[in-house]
Amino acid sequence: MSELNNLINETLSEEAKDQIGIVQPDHINELFVDLQSINRMSEAMMYILHHHPHVFELAYKEVLKDDNR
């Protein structure tokens, strides 16, 4: 969460920061938790890619087989 706070402090005006603090939907904390989870999954995938590239390639190919988007 501190990374998000740093980004807010570095990029938004004081007025925008005040508006963020005043009006927040109830689901905003859930969004932040989801984003943190996505970041953790990405970091795990990058670790596997760098340390076990063969395993990553096999897993990625399997995922693409089932992807029907």
PDB file of N, CA and C in Angstrom:
ATOM      1  N   MET A   1       0.821  -1.182   0.000  1.00  0.00           N
ATOM      2  CA  MET A   1       0.000   0.000   0.000  1.00  0.00           C
ATOM      3  C   MET A   1       0.870   1.253   0.000  1.00  0.00           C
ATOM      4  N   SER A   2       2.075   1.173   0.575  1.00  0.00           N
ATOM      5  CA  SER A   2       2.928   2.349   0.637  1.00  0.00           C
ATOM      6  C   SER A   2       3.360   2.796  -0.755  1.00  0.00           C
ATOM      7  N   GLU A   3       3.528   1.843  -1.700  1.00  0.00           N
ATOM      8  CA  GLU A   3       3.880   2.220  -3.062  1.00  0.00           C
ATOM      9  C   GLU A   3       2.772   3.057  -3.682  1.00  0.00           C
ATOM     10  N   LEU A   4       1.543   2.677  -3.428  1.00  0.00           N
ATOM     11  CA  LEU A   4       0.414   3.438  -3.945  1.00  0.00           C
ATOM     12  C   LEU A   4       0.375   4.824  -3.316  1.00  0.00           C
ATOM     13  N   ASN A   5       0.588   4.891  -2.004  1.00  0.00           N
ATOM     14  CA  ASN A   5       0.605   6.191  -1.337  1.00  0.00           C
ATOM     15  C   ASN A   5       1.705   7.077  -1.888  1.00  0.00           C
ATOM     16  N   ASN A   6       2.884   6.515  -2.147  1.00  0.00           N
ATOM     17  CA  ASN A   6       3.982   7.286  -2.720  1.00  0.00           C
ATOM     18  C   ASN A   6       3.611   7.804  -4.100  1.00  0.00           C
ATOM     19  N   LEU A   7       2.991   6.951  -4.911  1.00  0.00           N
ATOM     20  CA  LEU A   7       2.568   7.361  -6.245  1.00  0.00           C
ATOM     21  C   LEU A   7       1.553   8.495  -6.168  1.00  0.00           C
ATOM     22  N   ILE A   8       0.602   8.382  -5.268  1.00  0.00           N
ATOM     23  CA  ILE A   8      -0.400   9.437  -5.094  1.00  0.00           C
ATOM     24  C   ILE A   8       0.278  10.738  -4.683  1.00  0.00           C
ATOM     25  N   ASN A   9       1.171  10.662  -3.709  1.00  0.00           N
ATOM     26  CA  ASN A   9       1.840  11.871  -3.223  1.00  0.00           C
ATOM     27  C   ASN A   9       2.710  12.527  -4.283  1.00  0.00           C
ATOM     28  N   GLU A  10       3.319  11.730  -5.153  1.00  0.00           N
ATOM     29  CA  GLU A  10       4.214  12.269  -6.164  1.00  0.00           C
ATOM     30  C   GLU A  10       3.484  12.823  -7.382  1.00  0.00           C
ATOM     31  N   THR A  11       2.286  12.336  -7.672  1.00  0.00           N
ATOM     32  CA  THR A  11       1.662  12.680  -8.950  1.00  0.00           C
ATOM     33  C   THR A  11       0.410  13.550  -8.862  1.00  0.00           C
ATOM     34  N   LEU A  12      -0.275  13.557  -7.733  1.00  0.00           N
ATOM     35  CA  LEU A  12      -1.544  14.276  -7.675  1.00  0.00           C
ATOM     36  C   LEU A  12      -1.405  15.628  -6.989  1.00  0.00           C
ATOM     37  N   SER A  13      -2.279  16.539  -7.382  1.00  0.00           N
ATOM     38  CA  SER A  13      -2.323  17.842  -6.725  1.00  0.00           C
ATOM     39  C   SER A  13      -2.929  17.684  -5.331  1.00  0.00           C
ATOM     40  N   GLU A  14      -2.765  18.702  -4.522  1.00  0.00           N
ATOM     41  CA  GLU A  14      -3.331  18.654  -3.165  1.00  0.00           C
ATOM     42  C   GLU A  14      -4.852  18.526  -3.212  1.00  0.00           C
ATOM     43  N   GLU A  15      -5.477  19.218  -4.154  1.00  0.00           N
ATOM     44  CA  GLU A  15      -6.938  19.141  -4.283  1.00  0.00           C
ATOM     45  C   GLU A  15      -7.376  17.717  -4.635  1.00  0.00           C
ATOM     46  N   ALA A  16      -6.661  17.080  -5.556  1.00  0.00           N
ATOM     47  CA  ALA A  16      -7.003  15.712  -5.942  1.00  0.00           C
ATOM     48  C   ALA A  16      -6.798  14.754  -4.770  1.00  0.00           C
ATOM     49  N   LYS A  17      -5.721  14.952  -4.014  1.00  0.00           N
ATOM     50  CA  LYS A  17      -5.478  14.106  -2.831  1.00  0.00           C
ATOM     51  C   LYS A  17      -6.612  14.253  -1.824  1.00  0.00           C
ATOM     52  N   ASP A  18      -7.085  15.496  -1.631  1.00  0.00           N
ATOM     53  CA  ASP A  18      -8.187  15.725  -0.698  1.00  0.00           C
ATOM     54  C   ASP A  18      -9.458  15.017  -1.167  1.00  0.00           C
ATOM     55  N   GLN A  19      -9.729  15.056  -2.470  1.00  0.00           N
ATOM     56  CA  GLN A  19     -10.922  14.397  -3.002  1.00  0.00           C
ATOM     57  C   GLN A  19     -10.832  12.885  -2.848  1.00  0.00           C
ATOM     58  N   ILE A  20      -9.666  12.331  -3.041  1.00  0.00           N
ATOM     59  CA  ILE A  20      -9.502  10.888  -2.860  1.00  0.00           C
ATOM     60  C   ILE A  20      -9.793  10.508  -1.422  1.00  0.00           C
ATOM     61  N   GLY A  21      -9.330  11.327  -0.489  1.00  0.00           N
ATOM     62  CA  GLY A  21      -9.533  11.037   0.925  1.00  0.00           C
ATOM     63  C   GLY A  21     -10.971  11.186   1.367  1.00  0.00           C
ATOM     64  N   ILE A  22     -11.738  12.042   0.700  1.00  0.00           N
ATOM     65  CA  ILE A  22     -13.108  12.319   1.121  1.00  0.00           C
ATOM     66  C   ILE A  22     -14.089  11.278   0.581  1.00  0.00           C
ATOM     67  N   VAL A  23     -14.032  11.002  -0.697  1.00  0.00           N
ATOM     68  CA  VAL A  23     -15.011  10.125  -1.328  1.00  0.00           C
ATOM     69  C   VAL A  23     -14.308   8.873  -1.821  1.00  0.00           C
ATOM     70  N   GLN A  24     -14.633   7.768  -1.197  1.00  0.00           N
ATOM     71  CA  GLN A  24     -14.084   6.487  -1.635  1.00  0.00           C
ATOM     72  C   GLN A  24     -15.191   5.451  -1.612  1.00  0.00           C
ATOM     73  N   PRO A  25     -15.326   4.730  -2.703  1.00  0.00           N
ATOM     74  CA  PRO A  25     -16.313   3.644  -2.688  1.00  0.00           C
ATOM     75  C   PRO A  25     -15.924   2.585  -1.661  1.00  0.00           C
ATOM     76  N   ASP A  26     -16.895   1.844  -1.198  1.00  0.00           N
ATOM     77  CA  ASP A  26     -16.635   0.803  -0.211  1.00  0.00           C
ATOM     78  C   ASP A  26     -15.688  -0.274  -0.745  1.00  0.00           C
ATOM     79  N   HIS A  27     -15.675  -0.474  -2.050  1.00  0.00           N
ATOM     80  CA  HIS A  27     -14.893  -1.558  -2.629  1.00  0.00           C
ATOM     81  C   HIS A  27     -13.449  -1.172  -2.943  1.00  0.00           C
ATOM     82  N   ILE A  28     -13.022   0.036  -2.624  1.00  0.00           N
ATOM     83  CA  ILE A  28     -11.681   0.489  -2.994  1.00  0.00           C
ATOM     84  C   ILE A  28     -10.604  -0.354  -2.308  1.00  0.00           C
ATOM     85  N   ASN A  29     -10.814  -0.741  -1.060  1.00  0.00           N
ATOM     86  CA  ASN A  29      -9.825  -1.576  -0.374  1.00  0.00           C
ATOM     87  C   ASN A  29      -9.726  -2.955  -1.007  1.00  0.00           C
ATOM     88  N   GLU A  30     -10.846  -3.482  -1.468  1.00  0.00           N
ATOM     89  CA  GLU A  30     -10.824  -4.773  -2.159  1.00  0.00           C
ATOM     90  C   GLU A  30     -10.017  -4.671  -3.448  1.00  0.00           C
ATOM     91  N   LEU A  31     -10.157  -3.555  -4.144  1.00  0.00           N
ATOM     92  CA  LEU A  31      -9.390  -3.339  -5.372  1.00  0.00           C
ATOM     93  C   LEU A  31      -7.892  -3.342  -5.074  1.00  0.00           C
ATOM     94  N   PHE A  32      -7.475  -2.651  -4.019  1.00  0.00           N
ATOM     95  CA  PHE A  32      -6.066  -2.608  -3.662  1.00  0.00           C
ATOM     96  C   PHE A  32      -5.541  -3.986  -3.290  1.00  0.00           C
ATOM     97  N   VAL A  33      -6.339  -4.769  -2.590  1.00  0.00           N
ATOM     98  CA  VAL A  33      -5.926  -6.130  -2.230  1.00  0.00           C
ATOM     99  C   VAL A  33      -5.781  -6.974  -3.499  1.00  0.00           C
ATOM    100  N   ASP A  34      -6.737  -6.827  -4.419  1.00  0.00           N
ATOM    101  CA  ASP A  34      -6.659  -7.568  -5.681  1.00  0.00           C
ATOM    102  C   ASP A  34      -5.410  -7.179  -6.471  1.00  0.00           C
ATOM    103  N   LEU A  35      -5.109  -5.895  -6.517  1.00  0.00           N
ATOM    104  CA  LEU A  35      -3.923  -5.438  -7.244  1.00  0.00           C
ATOM    105  C   LEU A  35      -2.644  -5.969  -6.604  1.00  0.00           C
ATOM    106  N   GLN A  36      -2.608  -5.994  -5.287  1.00  0.00           N
ATOM    107  CA  GLN A  36      -1.443  -6.549  -4.602  1.00  0.00           C
ATOM    108  C   GLN A  36      -1.292  -8.030  -4.914  1.00  0.00           C
ATOM    109  N   SER A  37      -2.400  -8.741  -4.973  1.00  0.00           N
ATOM    110  CA  SER A  37      -2.353 -10.172  -5.304  1.00  0.00           C
ATOM    111  C   SER A  37      -1.846 -10.387  -6.722  1.00  0.00           C
ATOM    112  N   ILE A  38      -2.314  -9.570  -7.640  1.00  0.00           N
ATOM    113  CA  ILE A  38      -1.854  -9.672  -9.027  1.00  0.00           C
ATOM    114  C   ILE A  38      -0.354  -9.396  -9.099  1.00  0.00           C
ATOM    115  N   ASN A  39       0.112  -8.402  -8.348  1.00  0.00           N
ATOM    116  CA  ASN A  39       1.548  -8.099  -8.332  1.00  0.00           C
ATOM    117  C   ASN A  39       2.342  -9.277  -7.784  1.00  0.00           C
ATOM    118  N   ARG A  40       1.840  -9.914  -6.728  1.00  0.00           N
ATOM    119  CA  ARG A  40       2.538 -11.075  -6.167  1.00  0.00           C
ATOM    120  C   ARG A  40       2.598 -12.219  -7.172  1.00  0.00           C
ATOM    121  N   MET A  41       1.494 -12.466  -7.869  1.00  0.00           N
ATOM    122  CA  MET A  41       1.477 -13.532  -8.871  1.00  0.00           C
ATOM    123  C   MET A  41       2.457 -13.214  -9.998  1.00  0.00           C
ATOM    124  N   SER A  42       2.511 -11.963 -10.418  1.00  0.00           N
ATOM    125  CA  SER A  42       3.450 -11.561 -11.469  1.00  0.00           C
ATOM    126  C   SER A  42       4.886 -11.759 -11.017  1.00  0.00           C
ATOM    127  N   GLU A  43       5.180 -11.383  -9.787  1.00  0.00           N
ATOM    128  CA  GLU A  43       6.527 -11.574  -9.266  1.00  0.00           C
ATOM    129  C   GLU A  43       6.884 -13.056  -9.195  1.00  0.00           C
ATOM    130  N   ALA A  44       5.930 -13.897  -8.813  1.00  0.00           N
ATOM    131  CA  ALA A  44       6.175 -15.339  -8.764  1.00  0.00           C
ATOM    132  C   ALA A  44       6.447 -15.879 -10.165  1.00  0.00           C
ATOM    133  N   MET A  45       5.672 -15.433 -11.144  1.00  0.00           N
ATOM    134  CA  MET A  45       5.888 -15.873 -12.517  1.00  0.00           C
ATOM    135  C   MET A  45       7.256 -15.425 -13.026  1.00  0.00           C
ATOM    136  N   MET A  46       7.654 -14.212 -12.699  1.00  0.00           N
ATOM    137  CA  MET A  46       8.967 -13.717 -13.126  1.00  0.00           C
ATOM    138  C   MET A  46      10.087 -14.518 -12.470  1.00  0.00           C
ATOM    139  N   TYR A  47       9.908 -14.894 -11.213  1.00  0.00           N
ATOM    140  CA  TYR A  47      10.903 -15.713 -10.532  1.00  0.00           C
ATOM    141  C   TYR A  47      11.049 -17.055 -11.249  1.00  0.00           C
ATOM    142  N   ILE A  48       9.926 -17.689 -11.550  1.00  0.00           N
ATOM    143  CA  ILE A  48       9.968 -18.980 -12.239  1.00  0.00           C
ATOM    144  C   ILE A  48      10.604 -18.821 -13.616  1.00  0.00           C
ATOM    145  N   LEU A  49      10.229 -17.759 -14.325  1.00  0.00           N
ATOM    146  CA  LEU A  49      10.792 -17.516 -15.652  1.00  0.00           C
ATOM    147  C   LEU A  49      12.311 -17.392 -15.588  1.00  0.00           C
ATOM    148  N   HIS A  50      12.826 -16.657 -14.622  1.00  0.00           N
ATOM    149  CA  HIS A  50      14.268 -16.429 -14.532  1.00  0.00           C
ATOM    150  C   HIS A  50      15.036 -17.616 -13.961  1.00  0.00           C
ATOM    151  N   HIS A  51      14.446 -18.347 -13.039  1.00  0.00           N
ATOM    152  CA  HIS A  51      15.168 -19.424 -12.363  1.00  0.00           C
ATOM    153  C   HIS A  51      14.854 -20.818 -12.917  1.00  0.00           C
ATOM    154  N   HIS A  52      13.688 -20.959 -13.547  1.00  0.00           N
ATOM    155  CA  HIS A  52      13.283 -22.260 -14.095  1.00  0.00           C
ATOM    156  C   HIS A  52      12.581 -22.026 -15.442  1.00  0.00           C
ATOM    157  N   PRO A  53      13.319 -21.537 -16.433  1.00  0.00           N
ATOM    158  CA  PRO A  53      12.668 -21.155 -17.703  1.00  0.00           C
ATOM    159  C   PRO A  53      11.947 -22.308 -18.401  1.00  0.00           C
ATOM    160  N   HIS A  54      12.461 -23.515 -18.299  1.00  0.00           N
ATOM    161  CA  HIS A  54      11.803 -24.656 -18.952  1.00  0.00           C
ATOM    162  C   HIS A  54      10.431 -24.918 -18.326  1.00  0.00           C
ATOM    163  N   VAL A  55      10.364 -24.868 -17.015  1.00  0.00           N
ATOM    164  CA  VAL A  55       9.087 -25.069 -16.316  1.00  0.00           C
ATOM    165  C   VAL A  55       8.106 -23.974 -16.712  1.00  0.00           C
ATOM    166  N   PHE A  56       8.595 -22.739 -16.791  1.00  0.00           N
ATOM    167  CA  PHE A  56       7.731 -21.629 -17.179  1.00  0.00           C
ATOM    168  C   PHE A  56       7.174 -21.851 -18.585  1.00  0.00           C
ATOM    169  N   GLU A  57       8.037 -22.233 -19.516  1.00  0.00           N
ATOM    170  CA  GLU A  57       7.587 -22.443 -20.900  1.00  0.00           C
ATOM    171  C   GLU A  57       6.541 -23.544 -20.990  1.00  0.00           C
ATOM    172  N   LEU A  58       6.757 -24.642 -20.283  1.00  0.00           N
ATOM    173  CA  LEU A  58       5.775 -25.730 -20.290  1.00  0.00           C
ATOM    174  C   LEU A  58       4.432 -25.270 -19.734  1.00  0.00           C
ATOM    175  N   ALA A  59       4.474 -24.572 -18.610  1.00  0.00           N
ATOM    176  CA  ALA A  59       3.236 -24.096 -17.986  1.00  0.00           C
ATOM    177  C   ALA A  59       2.523 -23.093 -18.883  1.00  0.00           C
ATOM    178  N   TYR A  60       3.281 -22.194 -19.480  1.00  0.00           N
ATOM    179  CA  TYR A  60       2.674 -21.170 -20.330  1.00  0.00           C
ATOM    180  C   TYR A  60       2.011 -21.809 -21.552  1.00  0.00           C
ATOM    181  N   LYS A  61       2.669 -22.794 -22.151  1.00  0.00           N
ATOM    182  CA  LYS A  61       2.074 -23.478 -23.295  1.00  0.00           C
ATOM    183  C   LYS A  61       0.779 -24.192 -22.909  1.00  0.00           C
ATOM    184  N   GLU A  62       0.749 -24.790 -21.725  1.00  0.00           N
ATOM    185  CA  GLU A  62      -0.468 -25.460 -21.257  1.00  0.00           C
ATOM    186  C   GLU A  62      -1.610 -24.471 -21.059  1.00  0.00           C
ATOM    187  N   VAL A  63      -1.298 -23.321 -20.525  1.00  0.00           N
ATOM    188  CA  VAL A  63      -2.319 -22.300 -20.316  1.00  0.00           C
ATOM    189  C   VAL A  63      -2.865 -21.817 -21.654  1.00  0.00           C
ATOM    190  N   LEU A  64      -1.990 -21.630 -22.629  1.00  0.00           N
ATOM    191  CA  LEU A  64      -2.442 -21.164 -23.948  1.00  0.00           C
ATOM    192  C   LEU A  64      -3.329 -22.195 -24.626  1.00  0.00           C
ATOM    193  N   LYS A  65      -3.116 -23.484 -24.379  1.00  0.00           N
ATOM    194  CA  LYS A  65      -3.968 -24.521 -24.976  1.00  0.00           C
ATOM    195  C   LYS A  65      -5.419 -24.369 -24.546  1.00  0.00           C
ATOM    196  N   ASP A  66      -5.630 -23.992 -23.295  1.00  0.00           N
ATOM    197  CA  ASP A  66      -6.981 -23.888 -22.745  1.00  0.00           C
ATOM    198  C   ASP A  66      -7.581 -22.491 -22.883  1.00  0.00           C
ATOM    199  N   ASP A  67      -6.831 -21.565 -23.448  1.00  0.00           N
ATOM    200  CA  ASP A  67      -7.305 -20.190 -23.570  1.00  0.00           C
ATOM    201  C   ASP A  67      -8.192 -20.072 -24.819  1.00  0.00           C
ATOM    202  N   ASN A  68      -9.467 -19.835 -24.605  1.00  0.00           N
ATOM    203  CA  ASN A  68     -10.402 -19.765 -25.745  1.00  0.00           C
ATOM    204  C   ASN A  68     -10.969 -18.344 -25.926  1.00  0.00           C
ATOM    205  N   ARG A  69     -10.215 -17.346 -25.516  1.00  0.00           N
ATOM    206  CA  ARG A  69     -10.704 -15.969 -25.693  1.00  0.00           C
ATOM    207  C   ARG A  69     -10.626 -15.512 -27.099  1.00  0.00           C
TER     208      ARG A  69
END
